[in-house]
Amino acid sequence: MVVLSKPAPLDDHYASIKTCKPRISVFKGIPSINLRDPKAKTLIIQACQEFGFFKLLNHGVPMETIARLEAEALSFFNLPRSVKDKAGPPNPFGYGTKGIGPNGDVGWIEYLLINTDQNPEISRSAVKDYVMEVKAVAYEVVELIAEGLGIERRGVWSKMLREEESDWCLRLNHYPISQDLQALSGRKMIGFGEHTDPQIISLLKSNNTSGLQICLKDGTWVSVPPDHTSFFVTVGDALQVMTNGRLKSVRHRVMTNSLKPRISMIYFGGPPLSETIRPLPSLMAKGEESLYNEFTWREYKASAYKSRLGDYRLGLFEKASTTGH
């Protein structure tokens, strides 16, 4: 078990995420965790506390399952625009391009949002096989997080992801080679703007093209070296709340590549819409108060998707007496 101190004041966290520094460097310090390591739960907690993010090795998802869905995604994104448009707009699922959300966020991207196996654009069996495998990894990681935090009751969070009503989503992203004047001038374009993931946990798989960046605690943006054999695991806003700020959701973004296209496939694990999101009482120290007002996942999801990508979306649900803003 990792001994955790009380969470840092949210004012400090809020200030850090609003002041990300422009300096970019390739960051080789991302924790790489072998899922079969006996110390995995301890290492995962340390990574989630420091970065809200880590690379997962030895995950057990067959590479042929990954390659098949990636090939399906590439085949779809290579179709003529007129054909792809028939699969959109995303409402909430389907094909979209450049527009991200309803409030004016845009990026150099096209994407396909999937929630069921009823996807005429992509092989149903390819989606089903991939989602089944990745969900199993997500369940195991969330269980390890709970164990690492000393939570004795099994399934306290993984049960939310396992339930038939769980609000999961698969997102297939395609970042074409950027060829406009900004790219030609040597400046990278935004593929997907900075944000945190609202859900409990996200598992990202991408091809071997760079572009993903995360914001460190000191506000510095760093580039994450790509690794097409591994998954990148991201703490979501819901998990931040359920740990009362002990684990922080990480701000991240994607920049375009002027030489190679980028494909990413992200599983977002969310609870049922009716699930109440609140800190787990067994995690709270004596006298410790919740930093957040209780809310349902439905309420938070609706609020998050009405906001801009870069907004500090949890701010609306923090207790004013705790944060002072």
Protein backbone atom coordinates (compact mmCIF):
# COMPACT_ATOMS: atom_id res chain seq x y z
CA MET A 1 0.00 0.00 0.00
CA VAL A 2 1.19 3.51 -0.83
CA VAL A 3 0.89 5.97 2.04
CA LEU A 4 -0.96 9.02 0.79
CA SER A 5 -1.02 12.45 2.30
CA LYS A 6 -4.05 14.67 2.13
CA PRO A 7 -4.58 16.14 -1.34
CA ALA A 8 -3.00 19.48 -2.14
CA PRO A 9 -5.32 22.51 -2.17
CA LEU A 10 -7.25 22.74 -5.41
CA ASP A 11 -6.25 26.37 -5.80
CA ASP A 12 -2.69 25.15 -6.38
CA HIS A 13 -3.82 22.58 -8.90
CA TYR A 14 -6.06 25.09 -10.65
CA ALA A 15 -3.23 27.61 -10.89
CA SER A 16 -0.83 25.07 -12.34
CA ILE A 17 -3.15 23.95 -15.13
CA LYS A 18 -3.82 27.54 -16.17
CA THR A 19 -0.14 28.38 -16.57
CA CYS A 20 1.28 25.66 -18.81
CA LYS A 21 4.62 26.90 -20.07
CA PRO A 22 5.34 27.00 -23.79
CA ARG A 23 8.69 25.16 -23.58
CA ILE A 24 8.37 21.72 -25.20
CA SER A 25 10.80 18.86 -24.77
CA VAL A 26 10.73 15.14 -25.44
CA PHE A 27 10.11 13.61 -22.05
CA LYS A 28 11.70 10.26 -21.28
CA GLY A 29 10.47 10.12 -17.70
CA ILE A 30 6.99 8.74 -18.36
CA PRO A 31 6.59 5.73 -16.05
CA SER A 32 6.55 2.40 -17.90
CA ILE A 33 4.70 -0.20 -15.87
CA ASN A 34 4.54 -3.91 -16.56
CA LEU A 35 1.02 -5.05 -15.74
CA ARG A 36 2.43 -8.39 -14.51
CA ASP A 37 4.98 -6.80 -12.18
CA PRO A 38 4.25 -7.78 -8.54
CA LYS A 39 4.82 -4.13 -7.65
CA ALA A 40 2.44 -2.87 -10.38
CA LYS A 41 -0.19 -1.48 -7.99
CA THR A 42 2.41 0.56 -6.10
CA LEU A 43 4.03 1.83 -9.27
CA ILE A 44 0.64 2.74 -10.77
CA ILE A 45 -0.31 4.83 -7.73
CA GLN A 46 3.03 6.63 -7.82
CA ALA A 47 2.57 7.37 -11.54
CA CYS A 48 -1.01 8.55 -11.08
CA GLN A 49 0.02 10.86 -8.25
CA GLU A 50 2.97 12.36 -10.10
CA PHE A 51 1.66 12.47 -13.67
CA GLY A 52 -1.94 11.18 -13.83
CA PHE A 53 -0.57 9.16 -16.71
CA PHE A 54 1.64 6.15 -17.47
CA LYS A 55 2.64 3.68 -20.17
CA LEU A 56 1.35 0.14 -19.72
CA LEU A 57 3.49 -2.77 -20.86
CA ASN A 58 2.64 -6.49 -21.07
CA HIS A 59 -1.05 -5.62 -21.24
CA GLY A 60 -2.05 -8.86 -22.93
CA VAL A 61 -4.14 -7.39 -25.76
CA PRO A 62 -3.22 -9.40 -28.88
CA MET A 63 -1.36 -7.31 -31.42
CA GLU A 64 -3.44 -8.85 -34.21
CA THR A 65 -6.61 -7.51 -32.51
CA ILE A 66 -5.04 -4.05 -32.34
CA ALA A 67 -3.72 -4.20 -35.90
CA ARG A 68 -7.07 -5.31 -37.29
CA LEU A 69 -8.99 -2.38 -35.81
CA GLU A 70 -6.25 0.07 -36.79
CA ALA A 71 -6.43 -1.23 -40.38
CA GLU A 72 -10.21 -0.83 -40.33
CA ALA A 73 -9.82 2.74 -39.08
CA LEU A 74 -7.27 3.61 -41.77
CA SER A 75 -9.49 2.09 -44.44
CA PHE A 76 -12.40 4.23 -43.26
CA PHE A 77 -10.40 7.47 -43.02
CA ASN A 78 -9.00 6.87 -46.52
CA LEU A 79 -12.49 6.88 -48.00
CA PRO A 80 -13.64 9.95 -49.99
CA ARG A 81 -14.95 12.73 -47.79
CA SER A 82 -18.40 12.46 -49.35
CA VAL A 83 -18.62 8.85 -48.20
CA LYS A 84 -17.34 9.55 -44.69
CA ASP A 85 -19.78 12.41 -44.24
CA LYS A 86 -22.65 9.91 -44.50
CA ALA A 87 -21.48 8.51 -41.15
CA GLY A 88 -21.82 11.91 -39.44
CA PRO A 89 -22.25 14.28 -37.84
CA PRO A 90 -21.47 12.78 -34.40
CA ASN A 91 -24.75 12.97 -32.46
CA PRO A 92 -23.34 11.82 -30.15
CA PHE A 93 -21.69 8.99 -32.13
CA GLY A 94 -20.50 8.96 -35.72
CA TYR A 95 -18.01 10.77 -37.95
CA GLY A 96 -16.73 14.28 -37.38
CA THR A 97 -13.96 16.47 -38.74
CA LYS A 98 -12.16 19.53 -37.33
CA GLY A 99 -15.04 20.54 -35.05
CA ILE A 100 -14.53 19.18 -31.51
CA GLY A 101 -17.56 19.63 -29.29
CA PRO A 102 -20.37 22.19 -29.65
CA ASN A 103 -18.55 25.32 -28.45
CA GLY A 104 -16.15 26.23 -31.22
CA ASP A 105 -13.12 24.04 -30.46
CA VAL A 106 -11.41 22.94 -33.66
CA GLY A 107 -8.39 20.85 -34.57
CA TRP A 108 -6.56 19.30 -37.49
CA ILE A 109 -8.39 16.01 -37.02
CA GLU A 110 -11.11 13.68 -38.21
CA TYR A 111 -12.63 11.09 -35.93
CA LEU A 112 -15.22 8.36 -35.45
CA LEU A 113 -17.05 7.94 -32.13
CA ILE A 114 -18.36 4.45 -31.40
CA ASN A 115 -20.43 3.11 -28.51
CA THR A 116 -22.08 -0.07 -29.79
CA ASP A 117 -21.28 -2.79 -32.29
CA GLN A 118 -23.77 -1.30 -34.73
CA ASN A 119 -21.13 0.40 -36.85
CA PRO A 120 -21.62 0.01 -40.60
CA GLU A 121 -18.41 2.01 -41.19
CA ILE A 122 -16.15 -0.36 -39.24
CA SER A 123 -16.20 -4.14 -38.94
CA ARG A 124 -18.44 -5.06 -36.02
CA SER A 125 -16.28 -7.99 -35.05
CA ALA A 126 -13.10 -5.86 -35.13
CA VAL A 127 -14.69 -3.35 -32.75
CA LYS A 128 -16.19 -6.03 -30.51
CA ASP A 129 -12.92 -7.96 -30.18
CA TYR A 130 -10.88 -4.84 -29.46
CA VAL A 131 -13.32 -3.38 -26.94
CA MET A 132 -13.63 -6.70 -25.09
CA GLU A 133 -9.85 -6.92 -24.69
CA VAL A 134 -9.30 -3.30 -23.71
CA LYS A 135 -12.17 -3.28 -21.23
CA ALA A 136 -10.59 -6.25 -19.45
CA VAL A 137 -7.33 -4.29 -19.13
CA ALA A 138 -9.20 -1.23 -17.83
CA TYR A 139 -10.96 -3.34 -15.18
CA GLU A 140 -7.63 -4.76 -14.02
CA VAL A 141 -5.92 -1.37 -13.89
CA VAL A 142 -8.76 0.18 -11.89
CA GLU A 143 -8.66 -2.77 -9.48
CA LEU A 144 -4.93 -2.27 -9.02
CA ILE A 145 -5.49 1.42 -8.34
CA ALA A 146 -8.04 0.56 -5.65
CA GLU A 147 -5.68 -2.01 -4.09
CA GLY A 148 -2.78 0.43 -4.23
CA LEU A 149 -4.85 2.97 -2.33
CA GLY A 150 -5.61 0.38 0.35
CA ILE A 151 -9.27 -0.08 -0.54
CA GLU A 152 -10.29 -3.50 0.76
CA ARG A 153 -13.67 -3.81 -0.93
CA ARG A 154 -13.09 -5.36 -4.36
CA GLY A 155 -14.82 -4.00 -7.42
CA VAL A 156 -15.64 -0.64 -5.87
CA TRP A 157 -14.70 1.21 -9.08
CA SER A 158 -14.26 -1.55 -11.67
CA LYS A 159 -17.90 -2.51 -11.09
CA MET A 160 -18.89 0.87 -12.54
CA LEU A 161 -17.05 0.01 -15.76
CA ARG A 162 -18.37 -3.56 -15.88
CA GLU A 163 -22.07 -2.73 -15.56
CA GLU A 164 -24.17 -3.13 -18.66
CA GLU A 165 -25.24 0.51 -18.36
CA SER A 166 -21.65 1.78 -18.14
CA ASP A 167 -21.12 4.84 -20.30
CA TRP A 168 -18.10 3.79 -22.33
CA CYS A 169 -16.97 5.14 -25.68
CA LEU A 170 -14.38 4.22 -28.31
CA ARG A 171 -12.85 7.10 -30.25
CA LEU A 172 -10.85 6.58 -33.43
CA ASN A 173 -8.78 9.67 -34.32
CA HIS A 174 -6.96 10.43 -37.56
CA TYR A 175 -4.54 13.37 -37.68
CA PRO A 176 -3.63 13.94 -41.34
CA ILE A 177 -0.27 15.37 -42.34
CA SER A 178 -0.51 19.11 -41.74
CA GLN A 179 0.12 20.95 -44.99
CA ASP A 180 -1.18 24.48 -44.52
CA LEU A 181 0.89 27.66 -44.26
CA GLN A 182 1.35 27.33 -40.51
CA ALA A 183 2.82 23.85 -40.91
CA LEU A 184 5.00 24.91 -43.82
CA SER A 185 6.42 27.72 -41.72
CA GLY A 186 7.68 25.14 -39.23
CA ARG A 187 5.05 25.72 -36.54
CA LYS A 188 3.10 22.69 -35.41
CA MET A 189 -0.67 22.90 -35.56
CA ILE A 190 -3.07 21.80 -32.85
CA GLY A 191 -4.54 18.42 -33.66
CA PHE A 192 -6.61 18.18 -30.47
CA GLY A 193 -6.53 21.02 -27.94
CA GLU A 194 -5.52 20.75 -24.30
CA HIS A 195 -8.04 19.11 -22.00
CA THR A 196 -8.60 16.53 -19.30
CA ASP A 197 -10.70 13.41 -19.85
CA PRO A 198 -14.00 13.55 -17.93
CA GLN A 199 -14.37 9.79 -17.40
CA ILE A 200 -12.83 7.44 -14.81
CA ILE A 201 -9.99 6.14 -16.97
CA SER A 202 -8.81 6.22 -20.59
CA LEU A 203 -6.64 3.74 -22.47
CA LEU A 204 -4.96 5.14 -25.57
CA LYS A 205 -3.32 3.17 -28.34
CA SER A 206 -1.63 4.95 -31.25
CA ASN A 207 0.60 4.21 -34.21
CA ASN A 208 4.29 5.10 -34.06
CA THR A 209 3.78 8.79 -34.89
CA SER A 210 4.57 11.47 -32.30
CA GLY A 211 2.18 14.22 -31.29
CA LEU A 212 0.86 13.46 -27.80
CA GLN A 213 1.89 15.93 -25.10
CA ILE A 214 1.10 16.15 -21.39
CA CYS A 215 1.37 19.01 -18.92
CA LEU A 216 3.60 18.33 -15.91
CA LYS A 217 2.93 19.58 -12.38
CA ASP A 218 5.19 22.59 -12.92
CA GLY A 219 3.16 23.61 -15.97
CA THR A 220 5.67 22.46 -18.57
CA TRP A 221 4.37 20.77 -21.71
CA VAL A 222 6.36 17.70 -22.72
CA SER A 223 6.15 15.38 -25.72
CA VAL A 224 5.44 11.71 -25.03
CA PRO A 225 7.57 9.39 -27.19
CA PRO A 226 5.25 7.13 -29.19
CA ASP A 227 5.17 3.37 -28.60
CA HIS A 228 2.83 1.39 -30.83
CA THR A 229 3.18 -1.77 -28.73
CA SER A 230 1.92 -0.25 -25.45
CA PHE A 231 -1.11 1.55 -24.06
CA PHE A 232 -1.05 4.95 -22.40
CA VAL A 233 -3.35 5.15 -19.37
CA THR A 234 -4.89 8.46 -18.30
CA VAL A 235 -6.57 9.39 -15.01
CA GLY A 236 -9.95 11.04 -15.66
CA ASP A 237 -11.82 13.76 -13.79
CA ALA A 238 -14.22 11.26 -12.19
CA LEU A 239 -11.35 9.32 -10.64
CA GLN A 240 -9.85 12.57 -9.34
CA VAL A 241 -13.10 13.26 -7.51
CA MET A 242 -13.51 9.70 -6.23
CA THR A 243 -10.02 9.86 -4.68
CA ASN A 244 -10.73 13.36 -3.31
CA GLY A 245 -7.89 14.84 -5.34
CA ARG A 246 -5.25 12.29 -4.39
CA LEU A 247 -5.00 11.30 -8.04
CA LYS A 248 -5.17 14.14 -10.58
CA SER A 249 -6.51 14.02 -14.10
CA VAL A 250 -3.78 15.07 -16.52
CA ARG A 251 -4.05 17.86 -19.07
CA HIS A 252 -2.96 16.65 -22.48
CA ARG A 253 -3.16 17.60 -26.15
CA VAL A 254 -2.09 16.37 -29.57
CA MET A 255 0.02 18.31 -32.07
CA THR A 256 0.07 17.48 -35.76
CA ASN A 257 2.95 15.91 -37.63
CA SER A 258 4.13 17.41 -40.93
CA LEU A 259 5.67 14.13 -42.10
CA LYS A 260 3.38 11.27 -41.04
CA PRO A 261 -0.33 10.87 -40.26
CA ARG A 262 -1.27 9.76 -36.76
CA ILE A 263 -3.94 7.22 -35.82
CA SER A 264 -5.08 6.78 -32.22
CA MET A 265 -7.74 4.59 -30.65
CA ILE A 266 -8.99 5.56 -27.20
CA TYR A 267 -11.27 3.64 -24.87
CA PHE A 268 -12.99 5.95 -22.38
CA GLY A 269 -14.35 4.11 -19.35
CA GLY A 270 -17.25 5.91 -17.75
CA PRO A 271 -19.77 4.85 -15.08
CA PRO A 272 -23.53 4.51 -15.62
CA LEU A 273 -25.19 7.88 -16.16
CA SER A 274 -27.09 7.59 -12.87
CA GLU A 275 -23.94 6.87 -10.82
CA THR A 276 -23.19 9.39 -8.07
CA ILE A 277 -19.60 10.65 -8.21
CA ARG A 278 -18.12 11.42 -4.80
CA PRO A 279 -15.01 10.65 -2.76
CA LEU A 280 -14.87 7.15 -1.36
CA PRO A 281 -15.39 7.39 2.44
CA SER A 282 -12.78 4.70 3.18
CA LEU A 283 -10.12 6.91 1.55
CA MET A 284 -10.88 9.93 3.69
CA ALA A 285 -8.68 10.68 6.66
CA LYS A 286 -10.31 11.54 9.98
CA GLY A 287 -11.70 15.04 9.75
CA GLU A 288 -11.04 15.29 6.04
CA GLU A 289 -13.81 16.97 4.04
CA SER A 290 -14.77 16.33 0.47
CA LEU A 291 -13.33 18.87 -1.95
CA TYR A 292 -16.32 18.45 -4.25
CA ASN A 293 -20.07 18.63 -4.23
CA GLU A 294 -21.73 15.35 -5.14
CA PHE A 295 -22.98 14.98 -8.70
CA THR A 296 -24.13 12.24 -11.03
CA TRP A 297 -22.09 11.21 -14.04
CA ARG A 298 -24.99 12.42 -16.20
CA GLU A 299 -24.69 15.90 -14.67
CA TYR A 300 -20.95 16.10 -15.05
CA LYS A 301 -20.94 14.72 -18.58
CA ALA A 302 -23.57 17.27 -19.65
CA SER A 303 -21.59 20.11 -18.05
CA ALA A 304 -18.26 18.97 -19.50
CA TYR A 305 -19.52 18.65 -23.04
CA LYS A 306 -21.07 22.12 -22.95
CA SER A 307 -17.72 23.67 -22.01
CA ARG A 308 -14.66 24.50 -24.05
CA LEU A 309 -11.91 21.91 -24.18
CA GLY A 310 -9.43 23.97 -22.19
CA ASP A 311 -11.84 24.93 -19.40
CA TYR A 312 -11.18 23.70 -15.87
CA ARG A 313 -14.41 21.74 -15.86
CA LEU A 314 -14.25 20.39 -12.32
CA GLY A 315 -14.18 23.94 -10.99
CA LEU A 316 -17.97 24.15 -11.18
CA PHE A 317 -18.25 21.21 -8.78
CA GLU A 318 -15.66 22.21 -6.20
CA LYS A 319 -16.83 23.36 -2.80
CA ALA A 320 -16.38 27.11 -2.63
CA SER A 321 -15.39 26.95 1.03
CA THR A 322 -12.47 24.69 0.05
CA THR A 323 -11.16 26.51 -3.00
CA GLY A 324 -12.05 30.13 -2.44
CA HIS A 325 -12.66 30.80 -6.14
